[in-house]
Amino acid sequence: MPRSTDKSLARTRMQFLGEPRQAALGAVPRDSTLGLETCSPAQRRLRALLALGLFNRPGAWQPYREAAARGLHTLVAYDIIVSAQFEQLVFITDVPHNATPYLLPRPDGVTSLPGLRLEEFRGPCTYLTRHLPTGAKLVITGNRSGTWNGAPRPSPQWDFHTADRPLMKTERSRLNQVPEISDEAEQLLAGLICRIAARDPHSRWAIGNWFSGLLERPGWHRIGDEGRYEKQLSEVGNRWTLRWSGFPYANDAAASLTSAPIGIPGAVAHVVDDCIDVRLGHAVLRLFAWRGPSRQKAGAAL
């Protein structure tokens, strides 16, 4: 790929994802795409499992759900920029020491992605982790560049399970509860994770880490506090439904997955009553939340 094309794609990633320049340049693949969907099968699987954890918060809609991950929904309280790369997923945050304990298993087992292990701690604020079931890498760093160097050091605060610790029985049990996910559905779920901080540079839509409303658009609802943190991601066959209160608007979530140049290639959005269906091949992701102007919040999942 010509260097000029490489830089142009990196600039687009920076504009839509808030990605730092060094991270964006390192993330652009050789296939002349932005690279958000260009990854190994292991990476795509890891991202889908993260989605099951991030977008399921127990509450009035559902009982506690053990499958895939526990307590990861709390990550929406932090500003995280996601740098999606072929062999690794990088979470860039100004509070890596706060975010990491929600991901890595510890002896208390309160929150975690089952099977994730600490491989190395680098510099003052970078955790290099690996997911044992898939072999995929996840990095949590406080470096604003989204990159890191330096020799490995002891982890500063937490008693995390390290890479030499095999899967525990409880982790296997939780992973066994993960429903079957087709390749196309897996791509949709992974796409949600890669775009949690996405924003249209022309202010037509914004995701806001699934926590805040970044755009003041005349005529759009002001979302209140009642139930705003509840989320439910569930499936029936190859049809998935993501239901939530609060931000972002369903219109914005659909736009992040389907609008050029940031959308998933081949994904299209269709309005269905008070919901929006995002289709990719035979898979459907139904977005059930606040819509745009003059739309009311739907009262029950479809």
C-alpha atoms as a PDB file:
ATOM      1  CA  MET A   1       0.000   0.000   0.000  1.00  0.00           C
ATOM      2  CA  PRO A   2       1.420   3.443  -0.902  1.00  0.00           C
ATOM      3  CA  ARG A   3       2.466   5.454   2.128  1.00  0.00           C
ATOM      4  CA  SER A   4       0.072   8.263   1.158  1.00  0.00           C
ATOM      5  CA  THR A   5      -2.879   5.852   1.209  1.00  0.00           C
ATOM      6  CA  ASP A   6      -1.719   4.515   4.555  1.00  0.00           C
ATOM      7  CA  LYS A   7      -1.704   8.028   6.013  1.00  0.00           C
ATOM      8  CA  SER A   8      -5.095   8.876   4.524  1.00  0.00           C
ATOM      9  CA  LEU A   9      -6.724   5.804   6.054  1.00  0.00           C
ATOM     10  CA  ALA A  10      -5.087   6.572   9.390  1.00  0.00           C
ATOM     11  CA  ARG A  11      -6.471  10.122   9.281  1.00  0.00           C
ATOM     12  CA  THR A  12      -9.959   8.736   8.692  1.00  0.00           C
ATOM     13  CA  ARG A  13      -9.617   6.427  11.684  1.00  0.00           C
ATOM     14  CA  MET A  14      -8.448   9.363  13.786  1.00  0.00           C
ATOM     15  CA  GLN A  15     -11.419  11.486  12.698  1.00  0.00           C
ATOM     16  CA  PHE A  16     -14.072   8.839  13.390  1.00  0.00           C
ATOM     17  CA  LEU A  17     -12.570   6.919  16.321  1.00  0.00           C
ATOM     18  CA  GLY A  18     -10.525   9.531  18.165  1.00  0.00           C
ATOM     19  CA  GLU A  19      -7.581   7.189  17.724  1.00  0.00           C
ATOM     20  CA  PRO A  20      -4.091   8.656  18.328  1.00  0.00           C
ATOM     21  CA  ARG A  21      -1.951   9.071  15.225  1.00  0.00           C
ATOM     22  CA  GLN A  22       0.668   6.463  16.151  1.00  0.00           C
ATOM     23  CA  ALA A  23      -1.964   3.873  16.971  1.00  0.00           C
ATOM     24  CA  ALA A  24      -3.939   4.612  13.807  1.00  0.00           C
ATOM     25  CA  LEU A  25      -0.883   4.293  11.587  1.00  0.00           C
ATOM     26  CA  GLY A  26      -0.009   0.981  13.200  1.00  0.00           C
ATOM     27  CA  ALA A  27      -3.556  -0.314  12.825  1.00  0.00           C
ATOM     28  CA  VAL A  28      -4.080   0.305   9.083  1.00  0.00           C
ATOM     29  CA  PRO A  29      -3.909  -3.070   7.273  1.00  0.00           C
ATOM     30  CA  ARG A  30      -2.581  -3.853   3.820  1.00  0.00           C
ATOM     31  CA  ASP A  31      -5.986  -4.415   2.228  1.00  0.00           C
ATOM     32  CA  SER A  32      -6.748  -0.694   1.610  1.00  0.00           C
ATOM     33  CA  THR A  33      -9.546  -0.658   4.206  1.00  0.00           C
ATOM     34  CA  LEU A  34      -9.805   1.123   7.540  1.00  0.00           C
ATOM     35  CA  GLY A  35      -9.139  -2.222   9.166  1.00  0.00           C
ATOM     36  CA  LEU A  36     -11.819  -2.338  11.849  1.00  0.00           C
ATOM     37  CA  GLU A  37     -13.047  -5.693  10.529  1.00  0.00           C
ATOM     38  CA  THR A  38      -9.650  -6.872   9.286  1.00  0.00           C
ATOM     39  CA  CYS A  39      -8.555  -9.184  12.060  1.00  0.00           C
ATOM     40  CA  SER A  40      -7.814 -12.794  12.878  1.00  0.00           C
ATOM     41  CA  PRO A  41     -10.727 -15.136  13.683  1.00  0.00           C
ATOM     42  CA  ALA A  42      -9.435 -15.258  17.266  1.00  0.00           C
ATOM     43  CA  GLN A  43      -9.624 -11.476  17.550  1.00  0.00           C
ATOM     44  CA  ARG A  44     -13.156 -11.371  16.180  1.00  0.00           C
ATOM     45  CA  ARG A  45     -14.240 -14.013  18.681  1.00  0.00           C
ATOM     46  CA  LEU A  46     -12.668 -12.111  21.586  1.00  0.00           C
ATOM     47  CA  ARG A  47     -14.467  -8.919  20.554  1.00  0.00           C
ATOM     48  CA  ALA A  48     -17.809 -10.726  20.355  1.00  0.00           C
ATOM     49  CA  LEU A  49     -17.294 -12.132  23.865  1.00  0.00           C
ATOM     50  CA  LEU A  50     -16.476  -8.647  25.109  1.00  0.00           C
ATOM     51  CA  ALA A  51     -19.746  -7.442  23.576  1.00  0.00           C
ATOM     52  CA  LEU A  52     -21.689 -10.088  25.503  1.00  0.00           C
ATOM     53  CA  GLY A  53     -20.168  -8.745  28.686  1.00  0.00           C
ATOM     54  CA  LEU A  54     -20.279  -5.034  27.976  1.00  0.00           C
ATOM     55  CA  PHE A  55     -23.871  -4.996  26.717  1.00  0.00           C
ATOM     56  CA  ASN A  56     -25.483  -7.106  29.439  1.00  0.00           C
ATOM     57  CA  ARG A  57     -26.268  -5.372  32.709  1.00  0.00           C
ATOM     58  CA  PRO A  58     -28.721  -7.056  35.072  1.00  0.00           C
ATOM     59  CA  GLY A  59     -31.781  -5.098  36.037  1.00  0.00           C
ATOM     60  CA  ALA A  60     -35.520  -4.999  35.532  1.00  0.00           C
ATOM     61  CA  TRP A  61     -35.297  -6.529  32.059  1.00  0.00           C
ATOM     62  CA  GLN A  62     -33.347  -9.666  32.859  1.00  0.00           C
ATOM     63  CA  PRO A  63     -31.900 -11.831  35.619  1.00  0.00           C
ATOM     64  CA  TYR A  64     -28.169 -11.919  36.208  1.00  0.00           C
ATOM     65  CA  ARG A  65     -26.441 -13.386  33.191  1.00  0.00           C
ATOM     66  CA  GLU A  66     -23.217 -15.333  33.717  1.00  0.00           C
ATOM     67  CA  ALA A  67     -22.444 -16.136  30.102  1.00  0.00           C
ATOM     68  CA  ALA A  68     -19.258 -14.779  28.556  1.00  0.00           C
ATOM     69  CA  ALA A  69     -18.338 -12.135  31.099  1.00  0.00           C
ATOM     70  CA  ARG A  70     -19.266 -10.709  34.447  1.00  0.00           C
ATOM     71  CA  GLY A  71     -19.488  -7.044  35.347  1.00  0.00           C
ATOM     72  CA  LEU A  72     -17.921  -5.706  32.155  1.00  0.00           C
ATOM     73  CA  HIS A  73     -20.865  -3.317  31.681  1.00  0.00           C
ATOM     74  CA  THR A  74     -19.170  -1.058  34.253  1.00  0.00           C
ATOM     75  CA  LEU A  75     -16.528  -0.191  31.636  1.00  0.00           C
ATOM     76  CA  VAL A  76     -18.994   2.220  30.039  1.00  0.00           C
ATOM     77  CA  ALA A  77     -18.281   4.548  32.955  1.00  0.00           C
ATOM     78  CA  TYR A  78     -14.806   5.188  31.533  1.00  0.00           C
ATOM     79  CA  ASP A  79     -13.665   7.023  28.425  1.00  0.00           C
ATOM     80  CA  ILE A  80     -12.058   4.333  26.282  1.00  0.00           C
ATOM     81  CA  ILE A  81     -10.722   4.739  22.765  1.00  0.00           C
ATOM     82  CA  VAL A  82     -10.535   1.434  20.938  1.00  0.00           C
ATOM     83  CA  SER A  83      -7.729   0.743  18.502  1.00  0.00           C
ATOM     84  CA  ALA A  84      -8.748  -2.358  16.534  1.00  0.00           C
ATOM     85  CA  GLN A  85      -5.770  -4.100  14.970  1.00  0.00           C
ATOM     86  CA  PHE A  86      -5.289  -7.394  13.165  1.00  0.00           C
ATOM     87  CA  GLU A  87      -3.637  -9.310  16.021  1.00  0.00           C
ATOM     88  CA  GLN A  88      -4.701  -7.238  19.026  1.00  0.00           C
ATOM     89  CA  LEU A  89      -7.342  -4.959  20.448  1.00  0.00           C
ATOM     90  CA  VAL A  90      -6.061  -1.913  22.325  1.00  0.00           C
ATOM     91  CA  PHE A  91      -8.089  -0.020  24.932  1.00  0.00           C
ATOM     92  CA  ILE A  92      -6.671   3.476  25.432  1.00  0.00           C
ATOM     93  CA  THR A  93      -7.868   5.131  28.621  1.00  0.00           C
ATOM     94  CA  ASP A  94      -6.657   7.672  31.142  1.00  0.00           C
ATOM     95  CA  VAL A  95      -7.559   5.242  33.947  1.00  0.00           C
ATOM     96  CA  PRO A  96      -6.023   1.889  32.940  1.00  0.00           C
ATOM     97  CA  HIS A  97      -5.556   0.827  36.570  1.00  0.00           C
ATOM     98  CA  ASN A  98      -9.314   1.306  37.138  1.00  0.00           C
ATOM     99  CA  ALA A  99     -10.493  -0.344  33.909  1.00  0.00           C
ATOM    100  CA  THR A 100      -8.236  -3.414  33.939  1.00  0.00           C
ATOM    101  CA  PRO A 101      -9.679  -5.036  37.102  1.00  0.00           C
ATOM    102  CA  TYR A 102     -13.045  -5.314  35.348  1.00  0.00           C
ATOM    103  CA  LEU A 103     -11.421  -7.447  32.640  1.00  0.00           C
ATOM    104  CA  LEU A 104      -8.786  -9.650  34.295  1.00  0.00           C
ATOM    105  CA  PRO A 105      -9.868 -12.475  36.618  1.00  0.00           C
ATOM    106  CA  ARG A 106      -8.742 -12.238  40.225  1.00  0.00           C
ATOM    107  CA  PRO A 107      -9.084 -14.581  43.188  1.00  0.00           C
ATOM    108  CA  ASP A 108     -12.262 -12.813  44.347  1.00  0.00           C
ATOM    109  CA  GLY A 109     -13.888 -13.516  40.953  1.00  0.00           C
ATOM    110  CA  VAL A 110     -16.224 -10.524  41.170  1.00  0.00           C
ATOM    111  CA  THR A 111     -15.780  -9.286  37.598  1.00  0.00           C
ATOM    112  CA  SER A 112     -13.848 -10.516  34.590  1.00  0.00           C
ATOM    113  CA  LEU A 113     -13.710 -11.923  31.098  1.00  0.00           C
ATOM    114  CA  PRO A 114     -13.224 -15.658  31.729  1.00  0.00           C
ATOM    115  CA  GLY A 115      -9.937 -16.930  30.390  1.00  0.00           C
ATOM    116  CA  LEU A 116      -8.212 -13.550  30.173  1.00  0.00           C
ATOM    117  CA  ARG A 117      -4.710 -13.550  31.644  1.00  0.00           C
ATOM    118  CA  LEU A 118      -2.027 -10.966  32.352  1.00  0.00           C
ATOM    119  CA  GLU A 119       1.071 -11.646  30.253  1.00  0.00           C
ATOM    120  CA  GLU A 120       3.122  -8.531  31.013  1.00  0.00           C
ATOM    121  CA  PHE A 121       2.938  -5.113  32.577  1.00  0.00           C
ATOM    122  CA  ARG A 122       4.954  -2.483  30.699  1.00  0.00           C
ATOM    123  CA  GLY A 123       6.039   1.003  31.724  1.00  0.00           C
ATOM    124  CA  PRO A 124       3.817   2.839  34.179  1.00  0.00           C
ATOM    125  CA  CYS A 125       0.416   2.021  32.689  1.00  0.00           C
ATOM    126  CA  THR A 126       0.207  -0.767  30.072  1.00  0.00           C
ATOM    127  CA  TYR A 127      -1.300  -4.208  30.664  1.00  0.00           C
ATOM    128  CA  LEU A 128      -0.636  -6.838  27.993  1.00  0.00           C
ATOM    129  CA  THR A 129      -3.158  -9.642  28.271  1.00  0.00           C
ATOM    130  CA  ARG A 130      -4.066 -12.806  26.378  1.00  0.00           C
ATOM    131  CA  HIS A 131      -7.356 -14.679  26.220  1.00  0.00           C
ATOM    132  CA  LEU A 132      -6.530 -18.357  26.739  1.00  0.00           C
ATOM    133  CA  PRO A 133      -9.569 -19.878  24.925  1.00  0.00           C
ATOM    134  CA  THR A 134      -8.906 -17.932  21.713  1.00  0.00           C
ATOM    135  CA  GLY A 135      -5.248 -16.906  22.021  1.00  0.00           C
ATOM    136  CA  ALA A 136      -6.232 -13.321  21.162  1.00  0.00           C
ATOM    137  CA  LYS A 137      -4.450 -10.310  22.640  1.00  0.00           C
ATOM    138  CA  LEU A 138      -6.048  -7.407  24.508  1.00  0.00           C
ATOM    139  CA  VAL A 139      -4.013  -4.395  25.647  1.00  0.00           C
ATOM    140  CA  ILE A 140      -5.146  -1.793  28.168  1.00  0.00           C
ATOM    141  CA  THR A 141      -2.894   1.260  28.195  1.00  0.00           C
ATOM    142  CA  GLY A 142      -2.814   4.747  29.630  1.00  0.00           C
ATOM    143  CA  ASN A 143      -0.334   5.960  27.024  1.00  0.00           C
ATOM    144  CA  ARG A 144      -2.029   8.635  24.939  1.00  0.00           C
ATOM    145  CA  SER A 145      -0.176   7.446  21.832  1.00  0.00           C
ATOM    146  CA  GLY A 146      -1.811   4.022  22.122  1.00  0.00           C
ATOM    147  CA  THR A 147       1.662   2.460  21.947  1.00  0.00           C
ATOM    148  CA  TRP A 148       4.095   1.218  24.603  1.00  0.00           C
ATOM    149  CA  ASN A 149       7.650   0.049  25.160  1.00  0.00           C
ATOM    150  CA  GLY A 150      10.008  -0.692  28.021  1.00  0.00           C
ATOM    151  CA  ALA A 151      10.888  -3.850  29.894  1.00  0.00           C
ATOM    152  CA  PRO A 152       8.258  -5.914  31.734  1.00  0.00           C
ATOM    153  CA  ARG A 153       7.608  -4.886  35.335  1.00  0.00           C
ATOM    154  CA  PRO A 154       5.571  -6.300  38.235  1.00  0.00           C
ATOM    155  CA  SER A 155       1.892  -5.415  38.060  1.00  0.00           C
ATOM    156  CA  PRO A 156       1.473  -2.442  40.416  1.00  0.00           C
ATOM    157  CA  GLN A 157      -1.818  -3.023  42.185  1.00  0.00           C
ATOM    158  CA  TRP A 158      -3.724  -6.215  41.545  1.00  0.00           C
ATOM    159  CA  ASP A 159      -3.361  -9.927  42.082  1.00  0.00           C
ATOM    160  CA  PHE A 160      -4.357 -10.901  38.562  1.00  0.00           C
ATOM    161  CA  HIS A 161      -4.204 -14.420  37.176  1.00  0.00           C
ATOM    162  CA  THR A 162      -1.167 -14.707  34.900  1.00  0.00           C
ATOM    163  CA  ALA A 163      -0.680 -16.609  31.654  1.00  0.00           C
ATOM    164  CA  ASP A 164       0.610 -19.740  33.414  1.00  0.00           C
ATOM    165  CA  ARG A 165      -2.721 -20.173  35.215  1.00  0.00           C
ATOM    166  CA  PRO A 166      -4.930 -22.592  33.237  1.00  0.00           C
ATOM    167  CA  LEU A 167      -8.662 -22.142  32.838  1.00  0.00           C
ATOM    168  CA  MET A 168     -10.570 -22.643  36.068  1.00  0.00           C
ATOM    169  CA  LYS A 169     -13.706 -24.763  36.330  1.00  0.00           C
ATOM    170  CA  THR A 170     -15.884 -21.682  36.877  1.00  0.00           C
ATOM    171  CA  GLU A 171     -14.440 -20.049  33.751  1.00  0.00           C
ATOM    172  CA  ARG A 172     -15.145 -23.126  31.646  1.00  0.00           C
ATOM    173  CA  SER A 173     -18.683 -23.194  32.941  1.00  0.00           C
ATOM    174  CA  ARG A 174     -19.288 -19.563  32.024  1.00  0.00           C
ATOM    175  CA  LEU A 175     -17.760 -19.974  28.578  1.00  0.00           C
ATOM    176  CA  ASN A 176     -19.922 -23.045  27.964  1.00  0.00           C
ATOM    177  CA  GLN A 177     -22.983 -20.842  28.430  1.00  0.00           C
ATOM    178  CA  VAL A 178     -22.056 -18.664  25.459  1.00  0.00           C
ATOM    179  CA  PRO A 179     -24.626 -19.224  22.696  1.00  0.00           C
ATOM    180  CA  GLU A 180     -23.624 -20.245  19.213  1.00  0.00           C
ATOM    181  CA  ILE A 181     -22.638 -17.196  17.178  1.00  0.00           C
ATOM    182  CA  SER A 182     -22.455 -17.316  13.384  1.00  0.00           C
ATOM    183  CA  ASP A 183     -19.558 -15.637  11.602  1.00  0.00           C
ATOM    184  CA  GLU A 184     -21.776 -12.792  10.400  1.00  0.00           C
ATOM    185  CA  ALA A 185     -23.345 -12.223  13.820  1.00  0.00           C
ATOM    186  CA  GLU A 186     -19.912 -12.375  15.389  1.00  0.00           C
ATOM    187  CA  GLN A 187     -18.787  -9.626  13.022  1.00  0.00           C
ATOM    188  CA  LEU A 188     -21.724  -7.422  14.061  1.00  0.00           C
ATOM    189  CA  LEU A 189     -21.034  -7.912  17.769  1.00  0.00           C
ATOM    190  CA  ALA A 190     -17.322  -7.311  17.286  1.00  0.00           C
ATOM    191  CA  GLY A 191     -18.180  -4.152  15.360  1.00  0.00           C
ATOM    192  CA  LEU A 192     -20.019  -2.758  18.370  1.00  0.00           C
ATOM    193  CA  ILE A 193     -16.876  -3.073  20.498  1.00  0.00           C
ATOM    194  CA  CYS A 194     -14.622  -1.438  17.900  1.00  0.00           C
ATOM    195  CA  ARG A 195     -16.915   1.608  17.724  1.00  0.00           C
ATOM    196  CA  ILE A 196     -17.726   2.409  21.360  1.00  0.00           C
ATOM    197  CA  ALA A 197     -16.066   5.820  21.021  1.00  0.00           C
ATOM    198  CA  ALA A 198     -16.922   6.435  17.356  1.00  0.00           C
ATOM    199  CA  ARG A 199     -18.192   9.831  16.271  1.00  0.00           C
ATOM    200  CA  ASP A 200     -19.009  11.325  12.905  1.00  0.00           C
ATOM    201  CA  PRO A 201     -16.651  14.273  12.324  1.00  0.00           C
ATOM    202  CA  HIS A 202     -19.594  16.259  10.901  1.00  0.00           C
ATOM    203  CA  SER A 203     -21.605  15.718  14.114  1.00  0.00           C
ATOM    204  CA  ARG A 204     -24.360  13.675  12.470  1.00  0.00           C
ATOM    205  CA  TRP A 205     -24.036  10.881  15.060  1.00  0.00           C
ATOM    206  CA  ALA A 206     -21.956   9.920  18.080  1.00  0.00           C
ATOM    207  CA  ILE A 207     -21.701   6.876  20.357  1.00  0.00           C
ATOM    208  CA  GLY A 208     -20.148   8.503  23.430  1.00  0.00           C
ATOM    209  CA  ASN A 209     -18.842   5.260  24.983  1.00  0.00           C
ATOM    210  CA  TRP A 210     -22.486   4.199  25.500  1.00  0.00           C
ATOM    211  CA  PHE A 211     -22.590   6.663  28.353  1.00  0.00           C
ATOM    212  CA  SER A 212     -22.883  10.295  27.301  1.00  0.00           C
ATOM    213  CA  GLY A 213     -24.691  12.407  24.747  1.00  0.00           C
ATOM    214  CA  LEU A 214     -22.011  14.336  22.904  1.00  0.00           C
ATOM    215  CA  LEU A 215     -24.276  16.132  20.436  1.00  0.00           C
ATOM    216  CA  GLU A 216     -26.910  18.763  21.204  1.00  0.00           C
ATOM    217  CA  ARG A 217     -29.308  18.269  18.288  1.00  0.00           C
ATOM    218  CA  PRO A 218     -32.481  20.359  18.208  1.00  0.00           C
ATOM    219  CA  GLY A 219     -35.631  18.260  18.488  1.00  0.00           C
ATOM    220  CA  TRP A 220     -33.895  15.168  19.840  1.00  0.00           C
ATOM    221  CA  HIS A 221     -34.983  13.674  23.140  1.00  0.00           C
ATOM    222  CA  ARG A 222     -33.029  14.457  26.272  1.00  0.00           C
ATOM    223  CA  ILE A 223     -32.523  11.062  27.829  1.00  0.00           C
ATOM    224  CA  GLY A 224     -33.187  11.018  31.574  1.00  0.00           C
ATOM    225  CA  ASP A 225     -31.626   8.971  34.328  1.00  0.00           C
ATOM    226  CA  GLU A 226     -34.301   6.337  34.809  1.00  0.00           C
ATOM    227  CA  GLY A 227     -32.883   2.960  33.833  1.00  0.00           C
ATOM    228  CA  ARG A 228     -30.296   4.616  31.609  1.00  0.00           C
ATOM    229  CA  TYR A 229     -27.597   2.051  32.380  1.00  0.00           C
ATOM    230  CA  GLU A 230     -29.598  -1.096  31.695  1.00  0.00           C
ATOM    231  CA  LYS A 231     -28.544  -3.197  28.707  1.00  0.00           C
ATOM    232  CA  GLN A 232     -29.523  -6.555  27.331  1.00  0.00           C
ATOM    233  CA  LEU A 233     -27.942  -8.424  24.425  1.00  0.00           C
ATOM    234  CA  SER A 234     -29.803 -11.628  23.634  1.00  0.00           C
ATOM    235  CA  GLU A 235     -30.232 -14.008  20.735  1.00  0.00           C
ATOM    236  CA  VAL A 236     -32.687 -16.289  19.001  1.00  0.00           C
ATOM    237  CA  GLY A 237     -30.880 -18.241  16.324  1.00  0.00           C
ATOM    238  CA  ASN A 238     -29.076 -15.824  14.021  1.00  0.00           C
ATOM    239  CA  ARG A 239     -31.139 -12.854  15.202  1.00  0.00           C
ATOM    240  CA  TRP A 240     -29.704 -10.763  18.024  1.00  0.00           C
ATOM    241  CA  THR A 241     -31.423  -7.997  19.955  1.00  0.00           C
ATOM    242  CA  LEU A 242     -29.568  -5.240  21.783  1.00  0.00           C
ATOM    243  CA  ARG A 243     -31.873  -3.332  24.092  1.00  0.00           C
ATOM    244  CA  TRP A 244     -30.762  -0.417  26.250  1.00  0.00           C
ATOM    245  CA  SER A 245     -31.769   2.814  27.926  1.00  0.00           C
ATOM    246  CA  GLY A 246     -29.798   6.028  27.793  1.00  0.00           C
ATOM    247  CA  PHE A 247     -27.180   6.887  25.212  1.00  0.00           C
ATOM    248  CA  PRO A 248     -26.467   6.392  22.390  1.00  0.00           C
ATOM    249  CA  TYR A 249     -29.587   6.798  20.276  1.00  0.00           C
ATOM    250  CA  ALA A 250     -30.448   3.747  18.182  1.00  0.00           C
ATOM    251  CA  ASN A 251     -30.027   5.878  15.039  1.00  0.00           C
ATOM    252  CA  ASP A 252     -26.447   6.657  16.038  1.00  0.00           C
ATOM    253  CA  ALA A 253     -25.546   3.061  16.858  1.00  0.00           C
ATOM    254  CA  ALA A 254     -26.910   1.937  13.487  1.00  0.00           C
ATOM    255  CA  ALA A 255     -25.024   4.703  11.679  1.00  0.00           C
ATOM    256  CA  SER A 256     -21.741   3.671  13.271  1.00  0.00           C
ATOM    257  CA  LEU A 257     -22.199   0.142  11.928  1.00  0.00           C
ATOM    258  CA  THR A 258     -23.460   0.981   8.434  1.00  0.00           C
ATOM    259  CA  SER A 259     -22.407   4.485   7.331  1.00  0.00           C
ATOM    260  CA  ALA A 260     -19.458   4.985   4.982  1.00  0.00           C
ATOM    261  CA  PRO A 261     -16.575   5.027   5.498  1.00  0.00           C
ATOM    262  CA  ILE A 262     -16.673   3.675   9.052  1.00  0.00           C
ATOM    263  CA  GLY A 263     -19.412   1.043   8.720  1.00  0.00           C
ATOM    264  CA  ILE A 264     -19.045  -2.704   8.353  1.00  0.00           C
ATOM    265  CA  PRO A 265     -18.815  -3.564   4.641  1.00  0.00           C
ATOM    266  CA  GLY A 266     -22.113  -5.097   3.521  1.00  0.00           C
ATOM    267  CA  ALA A 267     -24.067  -4.111   6.641  1.00  0.00           C
ATOM    268  CA  VAL A 268     -27.330  -2.253   6.032  1.00  0.00           C
ATOM    269  CA  ALA A 269     -29.906  -0.703   8.365  1.00  0.00           C
ATOM    270  CA  HIS A 270     -33.719  -0.916   8.118  1.00  0.00           C
ATOM    271  CA  VAL A 271     -36.262   0.758  10.374  1.00  0.00           C
ATOM    272  CA  VAL A 272     -38.774  -1.757  11.769  1.00  0.00           C
ATOM    273  CA  ASP A 273     -41.464  -0.026  13.829  1.00  0.00           C
ATOM    274  CA  ASP A 274     -39.613   1.465  16.811  1.00  0.00           C
ATOM    275  CA  CYS A 275     -36.456  -0.549  16.224  1.00  0.00           C
ATOM    276  CA  ILE A 276     -33.629  -0.568  13.720  1.00  0.00           C
ATOM    277  CA  ASP A 277     -32.414  -3.828  12.184  1.00  0.00           C
ATOM    278  CA  VAL A 278     -28.784  -3.963  11.102  1.00  0.00           C
ATOM    279  CA  ARG A 279     -28.352  -6.847   8.673  1.00  0.00           C
ATOM    280  CA  LEU A 280     -25.163  -8.518   7.551  1.00  0.00           C
ATOM    281  CA  GLY A 281     -25.758 -11.490   5.304  1.00  0.00           C
ATOM    282  CA  HIS A 282     -28.165 -13.759   7.171  1.00  0.00           C
ATOM    283  CA  ALA A 283     -27.487 -12.204  10.580  1.00  0.00           C
ATOM    284  CA  VAL A 284     -29.623  -9.478  12.158  1.00  0.00           C
ATOM    285  CA  LEU A 285     -28.787  -7.182  15.046  1.00  0.00           C
ATOM    286  CA  ARG A 286     -31.935  -5.425  16.252  1.00  0.00           C
ATOM    287  CA  LEU A 287     -31.288  -2.124  18.039  1.00  0.00           C
ATOM    288  CA  PHE A 288     -34.033  -1.334  20.505  1.00  0.00           C
ATOM    289  CA  ALA A 289     -33.712   2.050  22.250  1.00  0.00           C
ATOM    290  CA  TRP A 290     -34.483   5.750  21.826  1.00  0.00           C
ATOM    291  CA  ARG A 291     -34.729   6.803  18.205  1.00  0.00           C
ATOM    292  CA  GLY A 292     -34.437  10.281  16.774  1.00  0.00           C
ATOM    293  CA  PRO A 293     -36.870  13.238  16.794  1.00  0.00           C
ATOM    294  CA  SER A 294     -40.587  12.587  17.358  1.00  0.00           C
ATOM    295  CA  ARG A 295     -39.948   8.971  18.303  1.00  0.00           C
ATOM    296  CA  GLN A 296     -41.010   7.425  21.571  1.00  0.00           C
ATOM    297  CA  LYS A 297     -39.055   4.829  23.475  1.00  0.00           C
ATOM    298  CA  ALA A 298     -40.371   1.350  22.740  1.00  0.00           C
ATOM    299  CA  GLY A 299     -42.159  -0.368  25.610  1.00  0.00           C
ATOM    300  CA  ALA A 300     -41.166  -3.993  25.102  1.00  0.00           C
ATOM    301  CA  ALA A 301     -38.529  -5.940  23.221  1.00  0.00           C
ATOM    302  CA  LEU A 302     -39.538  -7.284  19.861  1.00  0.00           C
END
